[in-house]
C-alpha atoms as a PDB file:
ATOM      1  CA  MET A   1       3.033  12.458   1.015  1.00  0.00           C
ATOM      2  CA  ASP A   2       3.260  11.490   4.635  1.00  0.00           C
ATOM      3  CA  SER A   3       1.743   8.521   6.446  1.00  0.00           C
ATOM      4  CA  LYS A   4      -1.456  10.514   6.992  1.00  0.00           C
ATOM      5  CA  HIS A   5      -1.927  10.376   3.230  1.00  0.00           C
ATOM      6  CA  LEU A   6      -0.808   6.799   2.664  1.00  0.00           C
ATOM      7  CA  THR A   7      -4.074   4.931   2.753  1.00  0.00           C
ATOM      8  CA  TRP A   8      -5.095   1.460   1.733  1.00  0.00           C
ATOM      9  CA  LEU A   9      -6.833   3.002  -1.265  1.00  0.00           C
ATOM     10  CA  VAL A  10      -3.518   4.529  -2.401  1.00  0.00           C
ATOM     11  CA  VAL A  11      -1.627   1.283  -1.720  1.00  0.00           C
ATOM     12  CA  ASP A  12      -4.259  -0.774  -3.526  1.00  0.00           C
ATOM     13  CA  SER A  13      -4.429   1.427  -6.610  1.00  0.00           C
ATOM     14  CA  GLU A  14      -0.632   1.701  -6.943  1.00  0.00           C
ATOM     15  CA  ALA A  15      -0.165  -2.042  -6.429  1.00  0.00           C
ATOM     16  CA  GLU A  16      -2.867  -2.805  -8.990  1.00  0.00           C
ATOM     17  CA  ALA A  17      -1.175  -0.493 -11.502  1.00  0.00           C
ATOM     18  CA  LEU A  18       2.113  -2.289 -10.826  1.00  0.00           C
ATOM     19  CA  GLY A  19       0.548  -5.709 -11.442  1.00  0.00           C
ATOM     20  CA  ALA A  20      -0.293  -7.086  -7.980  1.00  0.00           C
ATOM     21  CA  GLU A  21      -3.186  -9.518  -8.060  1.00  0.00           C
ATOM     22  CA  ALA A  22      -6.427  -8.579  -6.267  1.00  0.00           C
ATOM     23  CA  GLU A  23      -6.260 -11.675  -4.044  1.00  0.00           C
ATOM     24  CA  ALA A  24      -2.735 -10.807  -2.897  1.00  0.00           C
ATOM     25  CA  ARG A  25      -3.737  -7.206  -2.154  1.00  0.00           C
ATOM     26  CA  ARG A  26      -6.665  -8.419  -0.029  1.00  0.00           C
ATOM     27  CA  LYS A  27      -4.321 -10.657   1.978  1.00  0.00           C
ATOM     28  CA  TRP A  28      -2.081  -7.700   2.792  1.00  0.00           C
ATOM     29  CA  ARG A  29      -4.948  -6.106   4.739  1.00  0.00           C
ATOM     30  CA  GLN A  30      -5.615  -9.153   6.922  1.00  0.00           C
ATOM     31  CA  PRO A  31      -4.557  -9.273  10.588  1.00  0.00           C
ATOM     32  CA  ASN A  32      -0.962 -10.474  11.119  1.00  0.00           C
ATOM     33  CA  ARG A  33      -0.056  -9.650   7.520  1.00  0.00           C
ATOM     34  CA  LYS A  34       1.292  -6.596   5.787  1.00  0.00           C
ATOM     35  CA  VAL A  35       2.440  -5.362   2.412  1.00  0.00           C
ATOM     36  CA  PRO A  36       5.517  -7.452   1.513  1.00  0.00           C
ATOM     37  CA  PHE A  37       8.739  -5.446   1.519  1.00  0.00           C
ATOM     38  CA  GLU A  38       9.278  -6.058  -2.203  1.00  0.00           C
ATOM     39  CA  TRP A  39       5.890  -4.471  -2.935  1.00  0.00           C
ATOM     40  CA  GLN A  40       6.537  -1.657  -0.473  1.00  0.00           C
ATOM     41  CA  LEU A  41       9.645  -0.758  -2.473  1.00  0.00           C
ATOM     42  CA  ARG A  42       7.770  -0.876  -5.769  1.00  0.00           C
ATOM     43  CA  ILE A  43       5.008   1.339  -4.390  1.00  0.00           C
ATOM     44  CA  ILE A  44       7.512   3.764  -2.814  1.00  0.00           C
ATOM     45  CA  GLU A  45       9.365   4.072  -6.129  1.00  0.00           C
ATOM     46  CA  SER A  46       6.144   4.494  -8.096  1.00  0.00           C
ATOM     47  CA  LEU A  47       4.878   7.243  -5.804  1.00  0.00           C
ATOM     48  CA  ALA A  48       8.325   8.901  -5.764  1.00  0.00           C
ATOM     49  CA  SER A  49       8.217   9.109  -9.560  1.00  0.00           C
ATOM     50  CA  LYS A  50       4.987  11.102  -9.096  1.00  0.00           C
ATOM     51  CA  GLY A  51       6.594  13.416  -6.542  1.00  0.00           C
ATOM     52  CA  GLN A  52       5.029  11.771  -3.485  1.00  0.00           C
ATOM     53  CA  ARG A  53       7.488  10.817  -0.763  1.00  0.00           C
ATOM     54  CA  ILE A  54       6.745   7.965   1.619  1.00  0.00           C
ATOM     55  CA  THR A  55       8.917   5.503   3.502  1.00  0.00           C
ATOM     56  CA  ALA A  56       8.621   1.860   4.467  1.00  0.00           C
ATOM     57  CA  ALA A  57       7.678   3.025   7.968  1.00  0.00           C
ATOM     58  CA  ASP A  58       4.521   4.634   6.549  1.00  0.00           C
ATOM     59  CA  PHE A  59       3.210   1.167   5.710  1.00  0.00           C
ATOM     60  CA  ASP A  60       3.357   0.259   9.411  1.00  0.00           C
ATOM     61  CA  ALA A  61       0.910   3.075  10.173  1.00  0.00           C
ATOM     62  CA  LEU A  62      -1.800   1.602   7.935  1.00  0.00           C
ATOM     63  CA  PRO A  63      -4.779   0.192   9.855  1.00  0.00           C
ATOM     64  CA  VAL A  64      -5.064  -3.579  10.105  1.00  0.00           C
ATOM     65  CA  ASN A  65      -8.067  -5.185   8.430  1.00  0.00           C
ATOM     66  CA  PRO A  66      -9.718  -2.001   7.155  1.00  0.00           C
ATOM     67  CA  GLY A  67     -12.497  -3.969   5.476  1.00  0.00           C
ATOM     68  CA  ARG A  68     -13.626  -3.436   1.932  1.00  0.00           C
ATOM     69  CA  ILE A  69     -11.888  -0.694  -0.017  1.00  0.00           C
ATOM     70  CA  ALA A  70     -14.281   1.482  -1.970  1.00  0.00           C
ATOM     71  CA  ALA A  71     -12.886   2.675  -5.272  1.00  0.00           C
END
């Protein structure tokens, strides 16, 4: 997986599966915020266990304030 495939939907679903609260995940998408490094590592490791390779830099390519995430 490259940054073109790392979307907020992927981040949100992985973080939810790993136990991140919905309110925290919404905050990550707000302007001047981002996914905390600890959660980036958890998500990277989770996706790696599924054969999808991303890096912490891929999180920087996510759009700021994407609005509501449709599931």
